[in-house]
Protein backbone atom coordinates (compact mmCIF):
# COMPACT_ATOMS: atom_id res chain seq x y z
CA MET A 1 27.89 -11.25 -54.50
CA LYS A 2 28.73 -14.93 -54.10
CA ASN A 3 30.13 -16.34 -50.87
CA ILE A 4 28.70 -13.56 -48.66
CA ILE A 5 28.06 -14.88 -45.13
CA THR A 6 27.62 -11.62 -43.18
CA ILE A 7 26.01 -8.22 -44.07
CA GLY A 8 26.19 -5.13 -42.03
CA MET A 9 23.48 -2.49 -42.54
CA ASP A 10 23.77 1.06 -41.31
CA LEU A 11 20.17 2.24 -41.53
CA GLY A 12 19.10 5.86 -42.38
CA ASP A 13 15.81 7.65 -42.97
CA LYS A 14 16.40 7.85 -46.78
CA LYS A 15 19.42 5.59 -47.52
CA ASN A 16 20.88 2.32 -46.10
CA PHE A 17 24.58 1.52 -46.39
CA ILE A 18 25.34 -2.20 -46.83
CA VAL A 19 28.61 -4.06 -46.60
CA GLY A 20 28.86 -7.83 -47.25
CA LEU A 21 31.88 -10.01 -46.04
CA ASP A 22 32.84 -13.56 -46.96
CA VAL A 23 34.01 -16.25 -44.54
CA ASP A 24 37.48 -14.70 -44.37
CA GLY A 25 36.14 -11.21 -43.56
CA LYS A 26 36.99 -9.99 -47.10
CA LYS A 27 34.67 -7.22 -48.42
CA LYS A 28 32.47 -8.59 -51.26
CA VAL A 29 29.93 -5.89 -51.63
CA SER A 30 29.76 -2.20 -50.62
CA LYS A 31 26.55 -0.54 -51.52
CA MET A 32 24.02 2.26 -50.80
CA ILE A 33 20.39 1.55 -51.41
CA GLY A 34 17.16 3.56 -50.88
CA ASN A 35 15.29 2.88 -47.56
CA THR A 36 12.14 1.61 -49.17
CA PRO A 37 10.55 -1.91 -49.36
CA LYS A 38 11.05 -1.98 -53.07
CA GLN A 39 14.77 -1.10 -52.91
CA LEU A 40 15.38 -3.67 -50.13
CA ASP A 41 13.45 -6.41 -52.17
CA LYS A 42 15.62 -5.55 -55.24
CA PHE A 43 18.82 -6.06 -53.26
CA PHE A 44 17.92 -8.98 -50.98
CA ASN A 45 15.63 -11.23 -53.07
CA PRO A 46 18.49 -12.53 -55.25
CA LEU A 47 20.28 -13.55 -51.97
CA LYS A 48 17.36 -15.64 -50.67
CA GLY A 49 18.26 -19.26 -49.94
CA ASN A 50 21.82 -18.49 -48.81
CA ASN A 51 22.89 -18.83 -45.14
CA ILE A 52 23.46 -15.10 -44.52
CA LYS A 53 23.51 -13.33 -41.20
CA ILE A 54 22.45 -9.65 -41.35
CA ILE A 55 23.36 -7.39 -38.48
CA MET A 56 21.95 -3.86 -37.85
CA GLU A 57 21.65 -1.43 -34.94
CA THR A 58 18.40 -0.53 -33.18
CA GLY A 59 16.71 2.54 -34.56
CA THR A 60 13.42 3.91 -35.97
CA HIS A 61 13.52 1.66 -38.96
CA SER A 62 15.01 -1.52 -37.45
CA PRO A 63 11.65 -2.93 -36.43
CA TRP A 64 9.99 -3.13 -39.96
CA ILE A 65 13.29 -3.89 -41.87
CA SER A 66 14.32 -6.74 -39.55
CA GLU A 67 10.72 -8.09 -39.76
CA MET A 68 10.82 -7.89 -43.60
CA LEU A 69 14.20 -9.68 -43.84
CA LYS A 70 13.17 -12.33 -41.39
CA GLU A 71 10.25 -13.10 -43.58
CA LYS A 72 12.84 -13.82 -46.44
CA LYS A 73 14.46 -16.31 -44.09
CA PHE A 74 17.59 -14.43 -43.37
CA ASP A 75 19.27 -14.67 -40.01
CA VAL A 76 18.69 -11.11 -38.66
CA VAL A 77 20.47 -9.76 -35.55
CA VAL A 78 19.56 -6.46 -34.14
CA VAL A 79 22.05 -5.03 -31.63
CA ASN A 80 21.61 -2.35 -28.96
CA SER A 81 23.14 0.88 -30.47
CA ASN A 82 23.85 2.17 -26.97
CA LYS A 83 26.25 -0.75 -26.25
CA LEU A 84 28.43 -0.54 -29.36
CA PRO A 85 31.27 1.73 -28.41
CA LEU A 86 33.29 0.36 -31.36
CA ILE A 87 30.90 2.37 -33.62
CA SER A 88 29.87 5.25 -31.41
CA ARG A 89 33.38 6.03 -30.47
CA SER A 90 35.14 5.29 -33.78
CA LEU A 91 37.62 7.94 -35.05
CA GLN A 92 36.71 7.02 -38.62
CA LYS A 93 33.04 7.29 -38.28
CA ASN A 94 30.88 7.38 -41.44
CA ASP A 95 27.95 5.42 -42.66
CA MET A 96 29.85 2.99 -44.93
CA ASN A 97 32.42 2.36 -42.20
CA ASP A 98 29.66 1.67 -39.61
CA ALA A 99 28.09 -0.84 -41.99
CA GLU A 100 31.45 -2.65 -42.43
CA LEU A 101 32.07 -2.64 -38.71
CA LEU A 102 28.56 -4.06 -38.09
CA ALA A 103 29.35 -6.82 -40.58
CA GLN A 104 32.56 -7.62 -38.69
CA ILE A 105 30.73 -7.68 -35.42
CA GLY A 106 28.23 -10.07 -37.01
CA MET A 107 30.92 -12.63 -37.50
CA PHE A 108 31.03 -13.06 -33.63
CA ASN A 109 28.74 -15.36 -31.62
CA ASN A 110 25.49 -13.79 -31.00
CA LYS A 111 25.85 -14.51 -27.26
CA LEU A 112 28.76 -11.92 -27.15
CA LEU A 113 26.42 -9.16 -28.46
CA ASN A 114 23.84 -7.12 -26.75
CA THR A 115 21.10 -8.38 -29.01
CA VAL A 116 17.52 -6.92 -29.07
CA GLU A 117 14.27 -8.66 -30.04
CA HIS A 118 11.73 -6.27 -31.45
CA ARG A 119 8.06 -6.55 -30.52
CA SER A 120 5.70 -8.07 -33.02
CA LYS A 121 3.79 -5.71 -35.40
CA ALA A 122 0.51 -6.39 -33.56
CA SER A 123 2.03 -5.51 -30.26
CA ARG A 124 3.65 -2.37 -31.62
CA ILE A 125 0.28 -1.18 -32.93
CA ASP A 126 -1.37 -1.75 -29.73
CA LEU A 127 1.46 -0.16 -27.81
CA TYR A 128 1.28 2.98 -30.01
CA THR A 129 -2.31 3.36 -28.86
CA VAL A 130 -0.91 3.82 -25.38
CA LYS A 131 2.01 6.00 -26.61
CA SER A 132 -0.30 8.28 -28.63
CA ARG A 133 -2.44 8.92 -25.57
CA GLU A 134 0.72 9.59 -23.59
CA GLN A 135 1.77 12.21 -26.30
CA LEU A 136 -1.56 13.99 -26.13
CA ILE A 137 -1.48 14.13 -22.41
CA GLU A 138 2.00 15.83 -22.50
CA ILE A 139 0.82 18.36 -25.00
CA ARG A 140 -2.36 19.14 -23.02
CA THR A 141 -0.14 19.60 -19.81
CA LYS A 142 2.13 22.00 -21.52
CA LEU A 143 -0.88 24.01 -22.81
CA ILE A 144 -2.55 24.15 -19.48
CA ASN A 145 0.72 25.34 -17.83
CA HIS A 146 0.97 27.91 -20.54
CA VAL A 147 -2.37 29.23 -19.90
CA ARG A 148 -1.88 29.26 -16.21
CA GLY A 149 1.56 31.05 -16.42
CA SER A 150 0.20 33.52 -18.97
CA LEU A 151 -2.72 34.67 -16.85
CA LYS A 152 -0.55 34.59 -13.62
CA SER A 153 1.57 37.33 -15.23
CA PHE A 154 -1.52 39.51 -15.29
CA GLY A 155 -2.35 38.74 -11.62
CA ILE A 156 -5.01 36.08 -12.48
CA ILE A 157 -4.84 32.86 -10.52
CA LEU A 158 -6.95 30.09 -12.02
CA LEU A 159 -8.74 27.47 -10.01
CA SER A 160 -7.16 24.28 -9.06
CA THR A 161 -9.19 21.59 -10.61
CA SER A 162 -9.01 18.18 -12.37
CA THR A 163 -7.38 18.23 -15.83
CA PRO A 164 -10.57 17.24 -17.69
CA ALA A 165 -12.55 20.01 -15.97
CA PHE A 166 -9.83 22.75 -16.44
CA VAL A 167 -11.55 24.53 -19.34
CA LYS A 168 -15.00 24.38 -17.95
CA LYS A 169 -14.11 25.69 -14.60
CA ASN A 170 -11.69 28.45 -15.66
CA ILE A 171 -12.99 29.84 -18.96
CA SER A 172 -15.07 32.57 -17.25
CA HIS A 173 -11.95 33.79 -15.57
CA VAL A 174 -10.25 34.84 -18.77
CA PRO A 175 -10.46 38.70 -18.96
CA GLU A 176 -11.98 40.27 -22.02
CA ASN A 177 -8.64 41.78 -23.32
CA LEU A 178 -7.08 38.21 -23.40
CA LYS A 179 -9.88 36.25 -24.84
CA ASP A 180 -8.58 36.38 -28.40
CA VAL A 181 -5.22 35.02 -27.16
CA ILE A 182 -6.31 32.40 -24.55
CA ILE A 183 -9.66 31.06 -25.82
CA PRO A 184 -8.14 29.31 -28.92
CA ILE A 185 -5.81 27.40 -26.67
CA LEU A 186 -8.57 26.43 -24.20
CA GLU A 187 -10.48 25.09 -27.33
CA ILE A 188 -7.43 23.01 -28.28
CA ILE A 189 -7.26 21.73 -24.63
CA ASP A 190 -10.86 20.72 -24.78
CA THR A 191 -10.35 18.95 -28.21
CA LEU A 192 -7.39 17.05 -26.78
CA THR A 193 -9.38 15.99 -23.71
CA LEU A 194 -12.06 14.44 -26.05
CA LYS A 195 -9.28 12.67 -28.14
CA ILE A 196 -7.70 11.29 -24.81
CA LYS A 197 -11.11 9.96 -23.70
CA ARG A 198 -11.34 8.05 -27.00
CA TYR A 199 -7.86 6.52 -26.42
CA ASP A 200 -9.09 5.66 -22.90
CA GLN A 201 -11.98 3.76 -24.51
CA GLN A 202 -9.72 1.96 -26.85
CA ILE A 203 -7.24 0.93 -24.09
CA LYS A 204 -10.23 -0.28 -22.01
CA HIS A 205 -11.48 -2.26 -24.95
CA LEU A 206 -8.11 -3.86 -25.49
CA SER A 207 -7.77 -4.67 -21.81
CA GLU A 208 -11.24 -6.27 -21.68
CA THR A 209 -11.06 -8.28 -25.02
CA LYS A 210 -7.56 -8.99 -26.61
CA TYR A 211 -5.53 -8.89 -23.35
CA LYS A 212 -8.27 -9.76 -20.98
CA GLU A 213 -6.52 -12.69 -19.22
CA GLU A 214 -3.13 -10.93 -18.89
CA THR A 215 -4.53 -7.56 -17.65
CA GLY A 216 -6.96 -9.33 -15.34
CA ILE A 217 -4.12 -10.98 -13.60
CA LEU A 218 -2.25 -7.66 -13.04
CA ARG A 219 -5.25 -5.73 -12.04
CA GLN A 220 -5.75 -8.09 -8.93
CA VAL A 221 -3.28 -5.53 -7.35
CA ASN A 222 -5.13 -2.52 -5.84
CA GLY A 223 -3.99 0.69 -7.57
CA VAL A 224 -3.17 -1.02 -10.96
CA GLY A 225 -5.69 0.19 -13.61
CA PRO A 226 -6.23 -0.83 -17.31
CA ILE A 227 -3.66 1.58 -18.66
CA THR A 228 -0.85 0.50 -16.34
CA ALA A 229 -1.69 -3.21 -16.88
CA LEU A 230 -1.78 -3.00 -20.60
CA THR A 231 1.34 -0.82 -20.85
CA PHE A 232 3.19 -3.42 -18.69
CA ILE A 233 2.04 -6.29 -20.91
CA LEU A 234 2.79 -4.69 -24.21
CA THR A 235 6.23 -3.22 -22.96
CA LEU A 236 7.46 -6.65 -21.84
CA GLU A 237 5.37 -8.48 -24.41
CA ASN A 238 6.38 -11.92 -23.22
CA SER A 239 6.39 -12.99 -19.48
CA SER A 240 9.13 -15.55 -20.15
CA LYS A 241 11.43 -12.78 -21.32
CA PHE A 242 12.96 -12.62 -17.83
CA SER A 243 13.97 -15.80 -15.96
CA LYS A 244 13.86 -13.83 -12.66
CA SER A 245 11.10 -11.30 -11.85
CA ARG A 246 13.69 -9.22 -10.02
CA SER A 247 15.28 -8.38 -13.40
CA VAL A 248 12.19 -6.43 -14.33
CA GLY A 249 13.16 -3.61 -11.93
CA ALA A 250 16.50 -3.14 -13.64
CA PHE A 251 14.90 -3.39 -17.13
CA LEU A 252 12.69 -0.54 -16.35
CA GLY A 253 15.34 1.61 -14.73
CA LEU A 254 13.96 1.37 -11.17
CA THR A 255 17.17 -0.08 -9.58
CA PRO A 256 19.91 2.23 -8.15
CA LYS A 257 23.13 2.85 -9.99
CA LEU A 258 26.24 1.68 -8.20
CA PHE A 259 29.80 3.31 -8.05
CA GLN A 260 32.40 0.98 -6.66
CA SER A 261 36.14 1.86 -6.68
CA GLY A 262 38.47 0.68 -3.89
CA ASN A 263 36.97 1.36 -0.55
CA ILE A 264 34.22 3.57 -2.08
CA ASN A 265 30.87 2.03 -2.44
CA LYS A 266 28.17 4.55 -3.37
CA GLN A 267 24.57 3.91 -4.14
CA LEU A 268 23.48 6.57 -6.62
CA GLY A 269 19.94 7.43 -7.99
CA ILE A 270 18.04 4.96 -10.12
CA SER A 271 19.32 4.24 -13.63
CA LYS A 272 16.24 5.41 -15.42
CA LYS A 273 16.85 3.07 -18.30
CA GLY A 274 14.07 1.42 -20.27
CA ASN A 275 10.51 2.64 -20.74
CA LYS A 276 10.05 6.05 -19.20
CA TYR A 277 6.32 6.04 -19.48
CA LEU A 278 5.83 2.64 -17.83
CA ARG A 279 8.13 3.69 -15.12
CA SER A 280 6.13 6.76 -14.37
CA LEU A 281 2.98 4.71 -14.32
CA LEU A 282 4.38 2.35 -11.85
CA VAL A 283 5.47 5.30 -9.62
CA SER A 284 2.03 6.62 -9.79
CA CYS A 285 0.58 3.31 -8.71
CA ALA A 286 3.05 3.24 -5.89
CA GLN A 287 1.91 6.68 -4.77
CA TYR A 288 -1.71 5.52 -4.76
CA ILE A 289 -0.80 2.27 -2.84
CA LEU A 290 0.86 4.57 -0.24
CA GLY A 291 -1.93 7.05 -0.19
CA PRO A 292 -5.08 7.41 1.73
CA PHE A 293 -7.11 5.14 -0.68
CA GLY A 294 -4.43 2.37 -0.79
CA LYS A 295 -5.73 -0.91 0.67
CA GLU A 296 -3.77 -2.90 3.25
CA SER A 297 -1.07 -5.00 1.54
CA ASP A 298 2.63 -6.13 1.78
CA LEU A 299 3.62 -3.22 -0.50
CA ARG A 300 1.80 -0.66 1.54
CA ILE A 301 3.11 -1.92 4.88
CA PHE A 302 6.70 -2.01 3.43
CA GLY A 303 6.48 1.59 2.17
CA LEU A 304 4.78 3.07 5.27
CA ASN A 305 7.25 1.30 7.60
CA LYS A 306 10.06 2.86 5.58
CA ILE A 307 8.44 6.29 5.90
CA LYS A 308 8.00 5.94 9.59
CA GLN A 309 11.73 5.02 9.96
CA GLY A 310 12.60 8.25 8.15
CA GLY A 311 16.27 8.89 8.34
CA LYS A 312 18.22 9.50 5.22
CA THR A 313 15.76 7.77 2.94
CA SER A 314 13.46 10.39 1.45
CA LYS A 315 9.78 9.59 0.79
CA LYS A 316 10.52 9.98 -2.93
CA LYS A 317 12.98 7.08 -2.79
CA ILE A 318 10.55 5.02 -0.82
CA VAL A 319 7.98 5.47 -3.53
CA VAL A 320 10.41 4.31 -6.12
CA ALA A 321 11.29 1.31 -4.04
CA VAL A 322 7.55 0.42 -3.84
CA ALA A 323 7.30 0.92 -7.69
CA ARG A 324 10.17 -1.50 -8.11
CA LYS A 325 8.61 -4.10 -5.91
CA LEU A 326 5.33 -3.63 -7.74
CA ALA A 327 7.18 -4.24 -11.11
CA VAL A 328 8.59 -7.44 -9.76
CA LEU A 329 5.15 -8.61 -8.31
CA LEU A 330 3.38 -7.89 -11.52
CA HIS A 331 5.85 -9.95 -13.54
CA HIS A 332 5.53 -12.82 -10.99
CA LEU A 333 1.81 -12.77 -11.14
CA TRP A 334 1.79 -12.68 -14.88
CA ARG A 335 4.43 -15.31 -15.45
CA TYR A 336 2.85 -17.87 -13.15
CA LYS A 337 -0.80 -16.80 -13.62
CA ALA A 338 -0.95 -16.58 -9.80
CA GLU A 339 -3.75 -15.58 -7.59
CA TYR A 340 -2.67 -12.40 -5.71
CA ASP A 341 -2.67 -12.50 -1.87
CA PRO A 342 -1.95 -8.77 -0.84
CA LEU A 343 -0.82 -9.87 2.64
CA TYR A 344 1.16 -13.01 1.65
CA ASN A 345 4.55 -11.95 3.13
CA ASN A 346 2.90 -10.57 6.34
CA LYS A 347 1.04 -13.84 6.95
CA LEU A 348 4.24 -15.69 6.28
CA LYS A 349 6.07 -13.65 8.94
CA GLN A 350 3.37 -14.11 11.41
CA MET A 351 3.49 -17.94 10.92
CA LYS A 352 7.21 -18.03 11.43
CA LYS A 353 6.81 -15.95 14.72
CA SER A 354 4.12 -18.27 16.03
CA ALA A 355 6.13 -21.44 15.00
């Protein structure tokens, strides 16, 4: 395996396919190894000390494998799997061919590739606290909808109530002949509610200790709570990741897609790329800002003025627009550790008018 300068890795759940190329692009090794730390050590340890670039696609295993190989001092490049049409659209697609193509791609300058920088292990662990809570909420919502729908088919309409109080308020409305069917699900819903509360406590603890400074900066904005603030910090991980705060809106899929061809210039719906959960949290914050409990701010004034104007712009689109502005604002506050003035733009306009 001498003279290898580039290695392409096609990662799988159980097996990894590896192809190594020399400086002329000639194949020097083509191998399949088990997807375990022991097997990876066995293959890569003899190569330590050599100037080798390793390229792989993003996937379930790319975070820990790339981290492990970087610790061995290899130059590891992780590329966005959604932006490699050479592989996804290949007519000769198999794991070994994909690994060879990745190795060939790895011989290019990294600037030409859509590279990805995985979060640190510590950030991933903290982020999974938020994600685990999200999963439990989704399961609980499905179970509540199942109970409501099941009883509705028997002519029983359950009370509208807060989610945590759903079981307590509605358990007495379950008829005797359906108790054996419905009560076990209500018990699971109750258990899920308790588990979600524990995650809430963990998130609050992280916000008030490990990420106190960062989340404190973001929570200056009325409507942004500990969950949104922590999710924002952990998803972006580094405030310097974006040179312009405006880029955050696009990163989170809150900017409209465009279709331009000849004289046609259409603005479509938002791209919905990036982190779906954070996007939904920002939209919820925007709804609060525009709602009856939202405090006076530039964001609220912008949104309410758009709603008053009406026209073709639906309220849903306006909420998304406020969420996009909120994402930009949060990044700006975080990056510059700025003090938030909720009416900064409004005051600026007043000064210009009076000047």
